[in-house]
């Protein structure tokens, strides 16, 4: 069992940056692939970024490539999403998710989810 807790969301102006964190409980965090997804009002949950248990393989949605960076620190049981050059269309609730290998971009394949953190980008 893995419990996930996101933090770091907030209100930022367009062009600004935020770093989201997701801290996991459990001893097996280092064996899990991790992902970030977002959900805007009235829309479905969308893939943002994912990485393998080692951090050696990363995947990004086309809309965030070159602006967002996913990383992890297994010693701290934490995965990060560094968000730069934020746009109003990035506004959403951001969720982190965990699953046993292999890493995937499919939300339905993840077994554990955090409660989400709101990111609001003003124009």
PDB file of N, CA and C in Angstrom:
ATOM      1  N   UNK A   1       0.848  -1.193   0.000  1.00  0.00           N
ATOM      2  CA  UNK A   1       0.000   0.000   0.000  1.00  0.00           C
ATOM      3  C   UNK A   1       0.881   1.238   0.000  1.00  0.00           C
ATOM      4  N   UNK A   2       0.517   2.212  -0.836  1.00  0.00           N
ATOM      5  CA  UNK A   2       1.260   3.465  -0.938  1.00  0.00           C
ATOM      6  C   UNK A   2       0.286   4.617  -0.753  1.00  0.00           C
ATOM      7  N   UNK A   3       0.634   5.550   0.083  1.00  0.00           N
ATOM      8  CA  UNK A   3      -0.150   6.781   0.231  1.00  0.00           C
ATOM      9  C   UNK A   3       0.664   7.943  -0.297  1.00  0.00           C
ATOM     10  N   UNK A   4       0.003   8.804  -1.066  1.00  0.00           N
ATOM     11  CA  UNK A   4       0.676   9.910  -1.738  1.00  0.00           C
ATOM     12  C   UNK A   4       0.103  11.242  -1.269  1.00  0.00           C
ATOM     13  N   UNK A   5       0.973  12.213  -1.066  1.00  0.00           N
ATOM     14  CA  UNK A   5       0.542  13.529  -0.616  1.00  0.00           C
ATOM     15  C   UNK A   5       1.253  14.588  -1.447  1.00  0.00           C
ATOM     16  N   UNK A   6       0.462  15.342  -2.229  1.00  0.00           N
ATOM     17  CA  UNK A   6       1.025  16.398  -3.070  1.00  0.00           C
ATOM     18  C   UNK A   6       1.075  17.717  -2.306  1.00  0.00           C
ATOM     19  N   UNK A   7       1.993  18.566  -2.727  1.00  0.00           N
ATOM     20  CA  UNK A   7       2.082  19.926  -2.195  1.00  0.00           C
ATOM     21  C   UNK A   7       2.757  20.805  -3.242  1.00  0.00           C
ATOM     22  N   UNK A   8       2.681  22.122  -3.022  1.00  0.00           N
ATOM     23  CA  UNK A   8       3.401  23.046  -3.883  1.00  0.00           C
ATOM     24  C   UNK A   8       2.539  23.800  -4.877  1.00  0.00           C
ATOM     25  N   UNK A   9       1.257  23.481  -4.940  1.00  0.00           N
ATOM     26  CA  UNK A   9       0.385  24.204  -5.846  1.00  0.00           C
ATOM     27  C   UNK A   9       0.141  25.619  -5.365  1.00  0.00           C
ATOM     28  N   UNK A  10      -0.501  26.418  -6.224  1.00  0.00           N
ATOM     29  CA  UNK A  10      -0.814  27.785  -5.837  1.00  0.00           C
ATOM     30  C   UNK A  10      -1.197  28.632  -7.024  1.00  0.00           C
ATOM     31  N   UNK A  11      -1.213  29.928  -6.801  1.00  0.00           N
ATOM     32  CA  UNK A  11      -1.559  30.912  -7.827  1.00  0.00           C
ATOM     33  C   UNK A  11      -0.276  31.565  -8.319  1.00  0.00           C
ATOM     34  N   UNK A  12      -0.103  31.600  -9.625  1.00  0.00           N
ATOM     35  CA  UNK A  12       1.098  32.184 -10.210  1.00  0.00           C
ATOM     36  C   UNK A  12       0.716  32.909 -11.497  1.00  0.00           C
ATOM     37  N   UNK A  13       1.466  33.929 -11.827  1.00  0.00           N
ATOM     38  CA  UNK A  13       1.219  34.655 -13.074  1.00  0.00           C
ATOM     39  C   UNK A  13       1.787  33.878 -14.260  1.00  0.00           C
ATOM     40  N   UNK A  14       1.225  34.109 -15.414  1.00  0.00           N
ATOM     41  CA  UNK A  14       1.729  33.499 -16.639  1.00  0.00           C
ATOM     42  C   UNK A  14       3.219  33.807 -16.792  1.00  0.00           C
ATOM     43  N   UNK A  15       3.971  32.788 -17.181  1.00  0.00           N
ATOM     44  CA  UNK A  15       5.417  32.928 -17.298  1.00  0.00           C
ATOM     45  C   UNK A  15       6.173  32.546 -16.039  1.00  0.00           C
ATOM     46  N   UNK A  16       5.451  32.343 -14.954  1.00  0.00           N
ATOM     47  CA  UNK A  16       6.073  32.007 -13.688  1.00  0.00           C
ATOM     48  C   UNK A  16       6.356  30.523 -13.554  1.00  0.00           C
ATOM     49  N   UNK A  17       6.825  30.148 -12.358  1.00  0.00           N
ATOM     50  CA  UNK A  17       7.230  28.768 -12.093  1.00  0.00           C
ATOM     51  C   UNK A  17       6.649  28.277 -10.784  1.00  0.00           C
ATOM     52  N   UNK A  18       6.468  26.979 -10.709  1.00  0.00           N
ATOM     53  CA  UNK A  18       6.083  26.299  -9.484  1.00  0.00           C
ATOM     54  C   UNK A  18       6.793  24.948  -9.452  1.00  0.00           C
ATOM     55  N   UNK A  19       7.029  24.436  -8.241  1.00  0.00           N
ATOM     56  CA  UNK A  19       7.524  23.076  -8.107  1.00  0.00           C
ATOM     57  C   UNK A  19       6.558  22.290  -7.241  1.00  0.00           C
ATOM     58  N   UNK A  20       5.972  21.277  -7.827  1.00  0.00           N
ATOM     59  CA  UNK A  20       5.098  20.380  -7.088  1.00  0.00           C
ATOM     60  C   UNK A  20       5.918  19.239  -6.496  1.00  0.00           C
ATOM     61  N   UNK A  21       5.521  18.822  -5.314  1.00  0.00           N
ATOM     62  CA  UNK A  21       6.151  17.682  -4.661  1.00  0.00           C
ATOM     63  C   UNK A  21       5.086  16.648  -4.339  1.00  0.00           C
ATOM     64  N   UNK A  22       5.501  15.410  -4.348  1.00  0.00           N
ATOM     65  CA  UNK A  22       4.605  14.311  -3.975  1.00  0.00           C
ATOM     66  C   UNK A  22       5.414  13.352  -3.107  1.00  0.00           C
ATOM     67  N   UNK A  23       5.033  13.268  -1.856  1.00  0.00           N
ATOM     68  CA  UNK A  23       5.743  12.413  -0.916  1.00  0.00           C
ATOM     69  C   UNK A  23       4.925  11.153  -0.665  1.00  0.00           C
ATOM     70  N   UNK A  24       5.608  10.025  -0.704  1.00  0.00           N
ATOM     71  CA  UNK A  24       4.942   8.735  -0.570  1.00  0.00           C
ATOM     72  C   UNK A  24       5.302   8.057   0.737  1.00  0.00           C
ATOM     73  N   UNK A  25       4.338   7.357   1.286  1.00  0.00           N
ATOM     74  CA  UNK A  25       4.603   6.502   2.431  1.00  0.00           C
ATOM     75  C   UNK A  25       4.919   5.107   1.919  1.00  0.00           C
ATOM     76  N   UNK A  26       5.496   4.301   2.750  1.00  0.00           N
ATOM     77  CA  UNK A  26       5.774   2.937   2.334  1.00  0.00           C
ATOM     78  C   UNK A  26       7.232   2.719   1.990  1.00  0.00           C
ATOM     79  N   UNK A  27       7.686   1.502   2.207  1.00  0.00           N
ATOM     80  CA  UNK A  27       9.105   1.204   2.027  1.00  0.00           C
ATOM     81  C   UNK A  27       9.480   0.910   0.593  1.00  0.00           C
ATOM     82  N   UNK A  28       8.486   0.698  -0.271  1.00  0.00           N
ATOM     83  CA  UNK A  28       8.797   0.243  -1.616  1.00  0.00           C
ATOM     84  C   UNK A  28       8.678   1.343  -2.653  1.00  0.00           C
ATOM     85  N   UNK A  29       8.734   2.604  -2.219  1.00  0.00           N
ATOM     86  CA  UNK A  29       8.598   3.725  -3.151  1.00  0.00           C
ATOM     87  C   UNK A  29       9.572   3.607  -4.296  1.00  0.00           C
ATOM     88  N   UNK A  30      10.785   3.189  -4.020  1.00  0.00           N
ATOM     89  CA  UNK A  30      11.817   3.167  -5.047  1.00  0.00           C
ATOM     90  C   UNK A  30      11.542   2.148  -6.141  1.00  0.00           C
ATOM     91  N   UNK A  31      10.587   1.249  -5.937  1.00  0.00           N
ATOM     92  CA  UNK A  31      10.263   0.260  -6.953  1.00  0.00           C
ATOM     93  C   UNK A  31       9.085   0.672  -7.826  1.00  0.00           C
ATOM     94  N   UNK A  32       8.491   1.816  -7.533  1.00  0.00           N
ATOM     95  CA  UNK A  32       7.298   2.253  -8.243  1.00  0.00           C
ATOM     96  C   UNK A  32       7.614   3.252  -9.348  1.00  0.00           C
ATOM     97  N   UNK A  33       6.929   3.096 -10.475  1.00  0.00           N
ATOM     98  CA  UNK A  33       6.905   4.146 -11.480  1.00  0.00           C
ATOM     99  C   UNK A  33       5.947   5.236 -10.990  1.00  0.00           C
ATOM    100  N   UNK A  34       6.251   6.474 -11.321  1.00  0.00           N
ATOM    101  CA  UNK A  34       5.459   7.600 -10.835  1.00  0.00           C
ATOM    102  C   UNK A  34       4.999   8.469 -11.997  1.00  0.00           C
ATOM    103  N   UNK A  35       3.823   9.044 -11.836  1.00  0.00           N
ATOM    104  CA  UNK A  35       3.296   9.913 -12.873  1.00  0.00           C
ATOM    105  C   UNK A  35       2.620  11.141 -12.291  1.00  0.00           C
ATOM    106  N   UNK A  36       2.529  12.165 -13.096  1.00  0.00           N
ATOM    107  CA  UNK A  36       1.747  13.370 -12.786  1.00  0.00           C
ATOM    108  C   UNK A  36       0.657  13.498 -13.843  1.00  0.00           C
ATOM    109  N   UNK A  37      -0.552  13.784 -13.372  1.00  0.00           N
ATOM    110  CA  UNK A  37      -1.701  13.990 -14.238  1.00  0.00           C
ATOM    111  C   UNK A  37      -2.396  15.266 -13.806  1.00  0.00           C
ATOM    112  N   UNK A  38      -3.198  15.836 -14.697  1.00  0.00           N
ATOM    113  CA  UNK A  38      -3.930  17.041 -14.335  1.00  0.00           C
ATOM    114  C   UNK A  38      -5.371  16.923 -14.807  1.00  0.00           C
ATOM    115  N   UNK A  39      -6.220  17.669 -14.130  1.00  0.00           N
ATOM    116  CA  UNK A  39      -7.639  17.683 -14.479  1.00  0.00           C
ATOM    117  C   UNK A  39      -8.174  19.096 -14.326  1.00  0.00           C
ATOM    118  N   UNK A  40      -8.589  19.676 -15.446  1.00  0.00           N
ATOM    119  CA  UNK A  40      -9.209  20.990 -15.446  1.00  0.00           C
ATOM    120  C   UNK A  40     -10.719  20.826 -15.272  1.00  0.00           C
ATOM    121  N   UNK A  41     -11.411  21.873 -14.837  1.00  0.00           N
ATOM    122  CA  UNK A  41     -12.861  21.783 -14.636  1.00  0.00           C
ATOM    123  C   UNK A  41     -13.575  21.320 -15.898  1.00  0.00           C
ATOM    124  N   UNK A  42     -14.433  20.323 -15.759  1.00  0.00           N
ATOM    125  CA  UNK A  42     -15.215  19.834 -16.878  1.00  0.00           C
ATOM    126  C   UNK A  42     -14.465  18.947 -17.845  1.00  0.00           C
ATOM    127  N   UNK A  43     -13.204  18.623 -17.511  1.00  0.00           N
ATOM    128  CA  UNK A  43     -12.405  17.790 -18.412  1.00  0.00           C
ATOM    129  C   UNK A  43     -11.949  16.517 -17.706  1.00  0.00           C
ATOM    130  N   UNK A  44     -11.480  15.581 -18.477  1.00  0.00           N
ATOM    131  CA  UNK A  44     -10.960  14.347 -17.922  1.00  0.00           C
ATOM    132  C   UNK A  44      -9.554  14.506 -17.402  1.00  0.00           C
ATOM    133  N   UNK A  45      -9.079  13.465 -16.739  1.00  0.00           N
ATOM    134  CA  UNK A  45      -7.721  13.493 -16.204  1.00  0.00           C
ATOM    135  C   UNK A  45      -6.735  13.235 -17.342  1.00  0.00           C
ATOM    136  N   UNK A  46      -5.754  14.117 -17.463  1.00  0.00           N
ATOM    137  CA  UNK A  46      -4.813  14.057 -18.574  1.00  0.00           C
ATOM    138  C   UNK A  46      -3.387  13.785 -18.089  1.00  0.00           C
ATOM    139  N   UNK A  47      -2.660  13.066 -18.893  1.00  0.00           N
ATOM    140  CA  UNK A  47      -1.262  12.773 -18.601  1.00  0.00           C
ATOM    141  C   UNK A  47      -0.413  14.036 -18.722  1.00  0.00           C
ATOM    142  N   UNK A  48       0.512  14.205 -17.784  1.00  0.00           N
ATOM    143  CA  UNK A  48       1.456  15.325 -17.825  1.00  0.00           C
ATOM    144  C   UNK A  48       2.881  14.809 -17.978  1.00  0.00           C
ATOM    145  N   UNK A  49       3.318  13.943 -17.055  1.00  0.00           N
ATOM    146  CA  UNK A  49       4.686  13.444 -17.076  1.00  0.00           C
ATOM    147  C   UNK A  49       4.764  12.158 -16.261  1.00  0.00           C
ATOM    148  N   UNK A  50       5.774  11.334 -16.575  1.00  0.00           N
ATOM    149  CA  UNK A  50       5.968  10.094 -15.826  1.00  0.00           C
ATOM    150  C   UNK A  50       7.433   9.709 -15.873  1.00  0.00           C
ATOM    151  N   UNK A  51       7.854   8.937 -14.863  1.00  0.00           N
ATOM    152  CA  UNK A  51       9.216   8.435 -14.892  1.00  0.00           C
ATOM    153  C   UNK A  51       9.295   7.079 -14.228  1.00  0.00           C
ATOM    154  N   UNK A  52      10.323   6.339 -14.616  1.00  0.00           N
ATOM    155  CA  UNK A  52      10.523   4.983 -14.128  1.00  0.00           C
ATOM    156  C   UNK A  52      11.046   5.001 -12.700  1.00  0.00           C
ATOM    157  N   UNK A  53      11.166   3.820 -12.100  1.00  0.00           N
ATOM    158  CA  UNK A  53      11.577   3.727 -10.707  1.00  0.00           C
ATOM    159  C   UNK A  53      12.964   4.320 -10.492  1.00  0.00           C
ATOM    160  N   UNK A  54      13.821   4.204 -11.476  1.00  0.00           N
ATOM    161  CA  UNK A  54      15.190   4.718 -11.350  1.00  0.00           C
ATOM    162  C   UNK A  54      15.295   6.174 -11.756  1.00  0.00           C
ATOM    163  N   UNK A  55      14.268   6.666 -12.427  1.00  0.00           N
ATOM    164  CA  UNK A  55      14.342   8.016 -12.981  1.00  0.00           C
ATOM    165  C   UNK A  55      15.049   8.057 -14.321  1.00  0.00           C
ATOM    166  N   UNK A  56      15.463   6.902 -14.811  1.00  0.00           N
ATOM    167  CA  UNK A  56      16.217   6.869 -16.044  1.00  0.00           C
ATOM    168  C   UNK A  56      15.379   7.051 -17.291  1.00  0.00           C
ATOM    169  N   UNK A  57      14.091   6.779 -17.190  1.00  0.00           N
ATOM    170  CA  UNK A  57      13.184   6.958 -18.328  1.00  0.00           C
ATOM    171  C   UNK A  57      12.113   7.958 -17.943  1.00  0.00           C
ATOM    172  N   UNK A  58      11.966   8.986 -18.764  1.00  0.00           N
ATOM    173  CA  UNK A  58      10.959  10.010 -18.506  1.00  0.00           C
ATOM    174  C   UNK A  58      10.084  10.200 -19.739  1.00  0.00           C
ATOM    175  N   UNK A  59       8.843  10.610 -19.505  1.00  0.00           N
ATOM    176  CA  UNK A  59       7.881  10.818 -20.579  1.00  0.00           C
ATOM    177  C   UNK A  59       7.101  12.092 -20.272  1.00  0.00           C
ATOM    178  N   UNK A  60       6.780  12.831 -21.320  1.00  0.00           N
ATOM    179  CA  UNK A  60       6.069  14.096 -21.157  1.00  0.00           C
ATOM    180  C   UNK A  60       4.964  14.228 -22.193  1.00  0.00           C
ATOM    181  N   UNK A  61       3.894  14.894 -21.785  1.00  0.00           N
ATOM    182  CA  UNK A  61       2.881  15.302 -22.746  1.00  0.00           C
ATOM    183  C   UNK A  61       3.490  16.358 -23.661  1.00  0.00           C
ATOM    184  N   UNK A  62       3.054  16.378 -24.918  1.00  0.00           N
ATOM    185  CA  UNK A  62       3.609  17.338 -25.866  1.00  0.00           C
ATOM    186  C   UNK A  62       3.433  18.772 -25.384  1.00  0.00           C
ATOM    187  N   UNK A  63       2.350  19.039 -24.710  1.00  0.00           N
ATOM    188  CA  UNK A  63       2.038  20.408 -24.292  1.00  0.00           C
ATOM    189  C   UNK A  63       2.979  20.941 -23.221  1.00  0.00           C
ATOM    190  N   UNK A  64       3.722  20.048 -22.551  1.00  0.00           N
ATOM    191  CA  UNK A  64       4.598  20.507 -21.465  1.00  0.00           C
ATOM    192  C   UNK A  64       6.071  20.262 -21.749  1.00  0.00           C
ATOM    193  N   UNK A  65       6.394  19.616 -22.853  1.00  0.00           N
ATOM    194  CA  UNK A  65       7.791  19.344 -23.181  1.00  0.00           C
ATOM    195  C   UNK A  65       8.582  20.644 -23.260  1.00  0.00           C
ATOM    196  N   UNK A  66       9.747  20.635 -22.621  1.00  0.00           N
ATOM    197  CA  UNK A  66      10.593  21.816 -22.612  1.00  0.00           C
ATOM    198  C   UNK A  66      10.229  22.819 -21.526  1.00  0.00           C
ATOM    199  N   UNK A  67       9.083  22.609 -20.864  1.00  0.00           N
ATOM    200  CA  UNK A  67       8.669  23.533 -19.790  1.00  0.00           C
ATOM    201  C   UNK A  67       8.622  22.850 -18.428  1.00  0.00           C
ATOM    202  N   UNK A  68       8.234  21.591 -18.404  1.00  0.00           N
ATOM    203  CA  UNK A  68       8.099  20.841 -17.141  1.00  0.00           C
ATOM    204  C   UNK A  68       9.200  19.784 -17.068  1.00  0.00           C
ATOM    205  N   UNK A  69       9.626  19.498 -15.841  1.00  0.00           N
ATOM    206  CA  UNK A  69      10.616  18.449 -15.609  1.00  0.00           C
ATOM    207  C   UNK A  69      10.173  17.599 -14.431  1.00  0.00           C
ATOM    208  N   UNK A  70      10.121  16.292 -14.657  1.00  0.00           N
ATOM    209  CA  UNK A  70       9.787  15.366 -13.585  1.00  0.00           C
ATOM    210  C   UNK A  70      11.074  14.740 -13.071  1.00  0.00           C
ATOM    211  N   UNK A  71      11.145  14.572 -11.757  1.00  0.00           N
ATOM    212  CA  UNK A  71      12.332  13.958 -11.160  1.00  0.00           C
ATOM    213  C   UNK A  71      11.911  13.281  -9.860  1.00  0.00           C
ATOM    214  N   UNK A  72      12.816  12.499  -9.296  1.00  0.00           N
ATOM    215  CA  UNK A  72      12.492  11.821  -8.054  1.00  0.00           C
ATOM    216  C   UNK A  72      13.734  11.715  -7.188  1.00  0.00           C
ATOM    217  N   UNK A  73      13.490  11.640  -5.891  1.00  0.00           N
ATOM    218  CA  UNK A  73      14.541  11.401  -4.908  1.00  0.00           C
ATOM    219  C   UNK A  73      14.070  10.215  -4.073  1.00  0.00           C
ATOM    220  N   UNK A  74      14.582   9.041  -4.395  1.00  0.00           N
ATOM    221  CA  UNK A  74      14.113   7.841  -3.710  1.00  0.00           C
ATOM    222  C   UNK A  74      14.497   7.829  -2.238  1.00  0.00           C
ATOM    223  N   UNK A  75      15.558   8.519  -1.892  1.00  0.00           N
ATOM    224  CA  UNK A  75      15.957   8.579  -0.485  1.00  0.00           C
ATOM    225  C   UNK A  75      14.944   9.368   0.342  1.00  0.00           C
ATOM    226  N   UNK A  76      14.213  10.273  -0.323  1.00  0.00           N
ATOM    227  CA  UNK A  76      13.217  11.092   0.355  1.00  0.00           C
ATOM    228  C   UNK A  76      11.797  10.651   0.037  1.00  0.00           C
ATOM    229  N   UNK A  77      11.657   9.557  -0.710  1.00  0.00           N
ATOM    230  CA  UNK A  77      10.327   9.068  -1.101  1.00  0.00           C
ATOM    231  C   UNK A  77       9.499  10.163  -1.772  1.00  0.00           C
ATOM    232  N   UNK A  78      10.134  10.958  -2.609  1.00  0.00           N
ATOM    233  CA  UNK A  78       9.476  12.127  -3.184  1.00  0.00           C
ATOM    234  C   UNK A  78       9.705  12.203  -4.683  1.00  0.00           C
ATOM    235  N   UNK A  79       8.645  12.578  -5.389  1.00  0.00           N
ATOM    236  CA  UNK A  79       8.726  12.878  -6.811  1.00  0.00           C
ATOM    237  C   UNK A  79       8.353  14.346  -6.996  1.00  0.00           C
ATOM    238  N   UNK A  80       8.993  14.991  -7.938  1.00  0.00           N
ATOM    239  CA  UNK A  80       8.808  16.425  -8.159  1.00  0.00           C
ATOM    240  C   UNK A  80       8.318  16.690  -9.583  1.00  0.00           C
ATOM    241  N   UNK A  81       7.629  17.807  -9.727  1.00  0.00           N
ATOM    242  CA  UNK A  81       7.297  18.312 -11.047  1.00  0.00           C
ATOM    243  C   UNK A  81       7.663  19.791 -11.059  1.00  0.00           C
ATOM    244  N   UNK A  82       8.768  20.108 -11.722  1.00  0.00           N
ATOM    245  CA  UNK A  82       9.191  21.498 -11.873  1.00  0.00           C
ATOM    246  C   UNK A  82       8.474  22.072 -13.083  1.00  0.00           C
ATOM    247  N   UNK A  83       7.707  23.121 -12.847  1.00  0.00           N
ATOM    248  CA  UNK A  83       6.886  23.718 -13.889  1.00  0.00           C
ATOM    249  C   UNK A  83       7.407  25.126 -14.156  1.00  0.00           C
ATOM    250  N   UNK A  84       7.796  25.409 -15.382  1.00  0.00           N
ATOM    251  CA  UNK A  84       8.277  26.728 -15.755  1.00  0.00           C
ATOM    252  C   UNK A  84       7.480  27.250 -16.947  1.00  0.00           C
ATOM    253  N   UNK A  85       7.641  28.531 -17.218  1.00  0.00           N
ATOM    254  CA  UNK A  85       6.930  29.171 -18.344  1.00  0.00           C
ATOM    255  C   UNK A  85       5.454  28.797 -18.327  1.00  0.00           C
ATOM    256  N   UNK A  86       4.846  28.909 -17.160  1.00  0.00           N
ATOM    257  CA  UNK A  86       3.459  28.489 -17.006  1.00  0.00           C
ATOM    258  C   UNK A  86       2.513  29.342 -17.838  1.00  0.00           C
ATOM    259  N   UNK A  87       1.462  28.685 -18.323  1.00  0.00           N
ATOM    260  CA  UNK A  87       0.457  29.326 -19.163  1.00  0.00           C
ATOM    261  C   UNK A  87      -0.915  29.201 -18.478  1.00  0.00           C
ATOM    262  N   UNK A  88      -1.842  30.091 -18.785  1.00  0.00           N
ATOM    263  CA  UNK A  88      -3.188  29.966 -18.194  1.00  0.00           C
ATOM    264  C   UNK A  88      -3.823  28.607 -18.463  1.00  0.00           C
ATOM    265  N   UNK A  89      -3.521  28.008 -19.603  1.00  0.00           N
ATOM    266  CA  UNK A  89      -4.102  26.691 -19.919  1.00  0.00           C
ATOM    267  C   UNK A  89      -3.512  25.563 -19.090  1.00  0.00           C
ATOM    268  N   UNK A  90      -2.474  25.827 -18.295  1.00  0.00           N
ATOM    269  CA  UNK A  90      -1.944  24.832 -17.355  1.00  0.00           C
ATOM    270  C   UNK A  90      -2.778  24.757 -16.079  1.00  0.00           C
ATOM    271  N   UNK A  91      -3.720  25.678 -15.927  1.00  0.00           N
ATOM    272  CA  UNK A  91      -4.557  25.696 -14.730  1.00  0.00           C
ATOM    273  C   UNK A  91      -5.340  24.394 -14.604  1.00  0.00           C
ATOM    274  N   UNK A  92      -5.186  23.731 -13.462  1.00  0.00           N
ATOM    275  CA  UNK A  92      -5.837  22.434 -13.226  1.00  0.00           C
ATOM    276  C   UNK A  92      -5.487  21.971 -11.827  1.00  0.00           C
ATOM    277  N   UNK A  93      -6.147  20.891 -11.414  1.00  0.00           N
ATOM    278  CA  UNK A  93      -5.708  20.149 -10.241  1.00  0.00           C
ATOM    279  C   UNK A  93      -4.696  19.119 -10.716  1.00  0.00           C
ATOM    280  N   UNK A  94      -3.553  19.084 -10.050  1.00  0.00           N
ATOM    281  CA  UNK A  94      -2.490  18.160 -10.428  1.00  0.00           C
ATOM    282  C   UNK A  94      -2.412  17.027  -9.420  1.00  0.00           C
ATOM    283  N   UNK A  95      -2.367  15.805  -9.947  1.00  0.00           N
ATOM    284  CA  UNK A  95      -2.340  14.606  -9.128  1.00  0.00           C
ATOM    285  C   UNK A  95      -1.056  13.829  -9.403  1.00  0.00           C
ATOM    286  N   UNK A  96      -0.474  13.264  -8.358  1.00  0.00           N
ATOM    287  CA  UNK A  96       0.580  12.296  -8.601  1.00  0.00           C
ATOM    288  C   UNK A  96       0.010  10.905  -8.422  1.00  0.00           C
ATOM    289  N   UNK A  97       0.652   9.952  -9.068  1.00  0.00           N
ATOM    290  CA  UNK A  97       0.160   8.586  -9.070  1.00  0.00           C
ATOM    291  C   UNK A  97       1.339   7.623  -9.079  1.00  0.00           C
ATOM    292  N   UNK A  98       1.096   6.415  -8.570  1.00  0.00           N
ATOM    293  CA  UNK A  98       2.154   5.404  -8.485  1.00  0.00           C
ATOM    294  C   UNK A  98       1.641   4.061  -8.990  1.00  0.00           C
ATOM    295  N   UNK A  99       2.546   3.313  -9.572  1.00  0.00           N
ATOM    296  CA  UNK A  99       2.219   1.954  -9.982  1.00  0.00           C
ATOM    297  C   UNK A  99       3.518   1.166 -10.006  1.00  0.00           C
ATOM    298  N   UNK A 100       3.370  -0.177  -9.914  1.00  0.00           N
ATOM    299  CA  UNK A 100       4.553  -0.998 -10.081  1.00  0.00           C
ATOM    300  C   UNK A 100       4.947  -0.972 -11.550  1.00  0.00           C
ATOM    301  N   UNK A 101       6.189  -1.254 -11.816  1.00  0.00           N
ATOM    302  CA  UNK A 101       6.701  -1.188 -13.170  1.00  0.00           C
ATOM    303  C   UNK A 101       5.871  -2.002 -14.133  1.00  0.00           C
ATOM    304  N   UNK A 102       5.874  -1.662 -15.428  1.00  0.00           N
ATOM    305  CA  UNK A 102       6.642  -0.591 -16.051  1.00  0.00           C
ATOM    306  C   UNK A 102       5.916   0.750 -16.015  1.00  0.00           C
ATOM    307  N   UNK A 103       6.642   1.805 -16.304  1.00  0.00           N
ATOM    308  CA  UNK A 103       6.064   3.143 -16.351  1.00  0.00           C
ATOM    309  C   UNK A 103       5.110   3.216 -17.550  1.00  0.00           C
ATOM    310  N   UNK A 104       4.053   4.000 -17.397  1.00  0.00           N
ATOM    311  CA  UNK A 104       3.068   4.159 -18.450  1.00  0.00           C
ATOM    312  C   UNK A 104       2.487   5.559 -18.401  1.00  0.00           C
ATOM    313  N   UNK A 105       1.908   5.999 -19.505  1.00  0.00           N
ATOM    314  CA  UNK A 105       1.270   7.318 -19.547  1.00  0.00           C
ATOM    315  C   UNK A 105      -0.237   7.203 -19.376  1.00  0.00           C
ATOM    316  N   UNK A 106      -0.737   6.004 -19.151  1.00  0.00           N
ATOM    317  CA  UNK A 106      -2.169   5.741 -19.059  1.00  0.00           C
ATOM    318  C   UNK A 106      -2.630   5.866 -17.616  1.00  0.00           C
ATOM    319  N   UNK A 107      -3.531   6.812 -17.373  1.00  0.00           N
ATOM    320  CA  UNK A 107      -3.993   7.072 -16.012  1.00  0.00           C
ATOM    321  C   UNK A 107      -4.624   5.831 -15.380  1.00  0.00           C
ATOM    322  N   UNK A 108      -5.401   5.097 -16.153  1.00  0.00           N
ATOM    323  CA  UNK A 108      -6.091   3.928 -15.626  1.00  0.00           C
ATOM    324  C   UNK A 108      -5.175   2.814 -15.175  1.00  0.00           C
ATOM    325  N   UNK A 109      -3.909   2.883 -15.520  1.00  0.00           N
ATOM    326  CA  UNK A 109      -2.947   1.843 -15.141  1.00  0.00           C
ATOM    327  C   UNK A 109      -2.297   2.104 -13.786  1.00  0.00           C
ATOM    328  N   UNK A 110      -2.546   3.262 -13.218  1.00  0.00           N
ATOM    329  CA  UNK A 110      -1.942   3.597 -11.928  1.00  0.00           C
ATOM    330  C   UNK A 110      -2.822   3.120 -10.788  1.00  0.00           C
ATOM    331  N   UNK A 111      -2.152   2.612  -9.754  1.00  0.00           N
ATOM    332  CA  UNK A 111      -2.864   1.983  -8.648  1.00  0.00           C
ATOM    333  C   UNK A 111      -3.127   2.927  -7.484  1.00  0.00           C
ATOM    334  N   UNK A 112      -2.287   3.919  -7.304  1.00  0.00           N
ATOM    335  CA  UNK A 112      -2.377   4.797  -6.143  1.00  0.00           C
ATOM    336  C   UNK A 112      -2.360   6.243  -6.601  1.00  0.00           C
ATOM    337  N   UNK A 113      -3.191   7.056  -5.921  1.00  0.00           N
ATOM    338  CA  UNK A 113      -3.344   8.456  -6.298  1.00  0.00           C
ATOM    339  C   UNK A 113      -3.314   9.340  -5.057  1.00  0.00           C
ATOM    340  N   UNK A 114      -2.762  10.537  -5.237  1.00  0.00           N
ATOM    341  CA  UNK A 114      -2.845  11.547  -4.199  1.00  0.00           C
ATOM    342  C   UNK A 114      -4.170  12.291  -4.291  1.00  0.00           C
ATOM    343  N   UNK A 115      -4.341  13.251  -3.395  1.00  0.00           N
ATOM    344  CA  UNK A 115      -5.608  13.986  -3.337  1.00  0.00           C
ATOM    345  C   UNK A 115      -5.630  15.169  -4.295  1.00  0.00           C
ATOM    346  N   UNK A 116      -4.476  15.528  -4.828  1.00  0.00           N
ATOM    347  CA  UNK A 116      -4.397  16.614  -5.797  1.00  0.00           C
ATOM    348  C   UNK A 116      -3.999  17.939  -5.179  1.00  0.00           C
ATOM    349  N   UNK A 117      -3.394  18.789  -5.987  1.00  0.00           N
ATOM    350  CA  UNK A 117      -3.038  20.138  -5.569  1.00  0.00           C
ATOM    351  C   UNK A 117      -3.400  21.093  -6.713  1.00  0.00           C
ATOM    352  N   UNK A 118      -4.019  22.217  -6.354  1.00  0.00           N
ATOM    353  CA  UNK A 118      -4.520  23.158  -7.358  1.00  0.00           C
ATOM    354  C   UNK A 118      -3.390  24.054  -7.863  1.00  0.00           C
ATOM    355  N   UNK A 119      -3.306  24.164  -9.174  1.00  0.00           N
ATOM    356  CA  UNK A 119      -2.402  25.112  -9.820  1.00  0.00           C
ATOM    357  C   UNK A 119      -3.263  26.071 -10.632  1.00  0.00           C
ATOM    358  N   UNK A 120      -3.127  27.359 -10.354  1.00  0.00           N
ATOM    359  CA  UNK A 120      -3.881  28.376 -11.074  1.00  0.00           C
ATOM    360  C   UNK A 120      -2.897  29.375 -11.670  1.00  0.00           C
ATOM    361  N   UNK A 121      -2.979  29.558 -12.984  1.00  0.00           N
ATOM    362  CA  UNK A 121      -2.084  30.473 -13.688  1.00  0.00           C
ATOM    363  C   UNK A 121      -2.916  31.627 -14.226  1.00  0.00           C
ATOM    364  N   UNK A 122      -2.627  32.818 -13.773  1.00  0.00           N
ATOM    365  CA  UNK A 122      -3.375  33.997 -14.202  1.00  0.00           C
ATOM    366  C   UNK A 122      -2.694  34.648 -15.403  1.00  0.00           C
ATOM    367  N   UNK A 123      -3.502  35.249 -16.258  1.00  0.00           N
ATOM    368  CA  UNK A 123      -2.953  35.887 -17.468  1.00  0.00           C
ATOM    369  C   UNK A 123      -2.589  37.330 -17.204  1.00  0.00           C
TER     370      UNK A 123
END
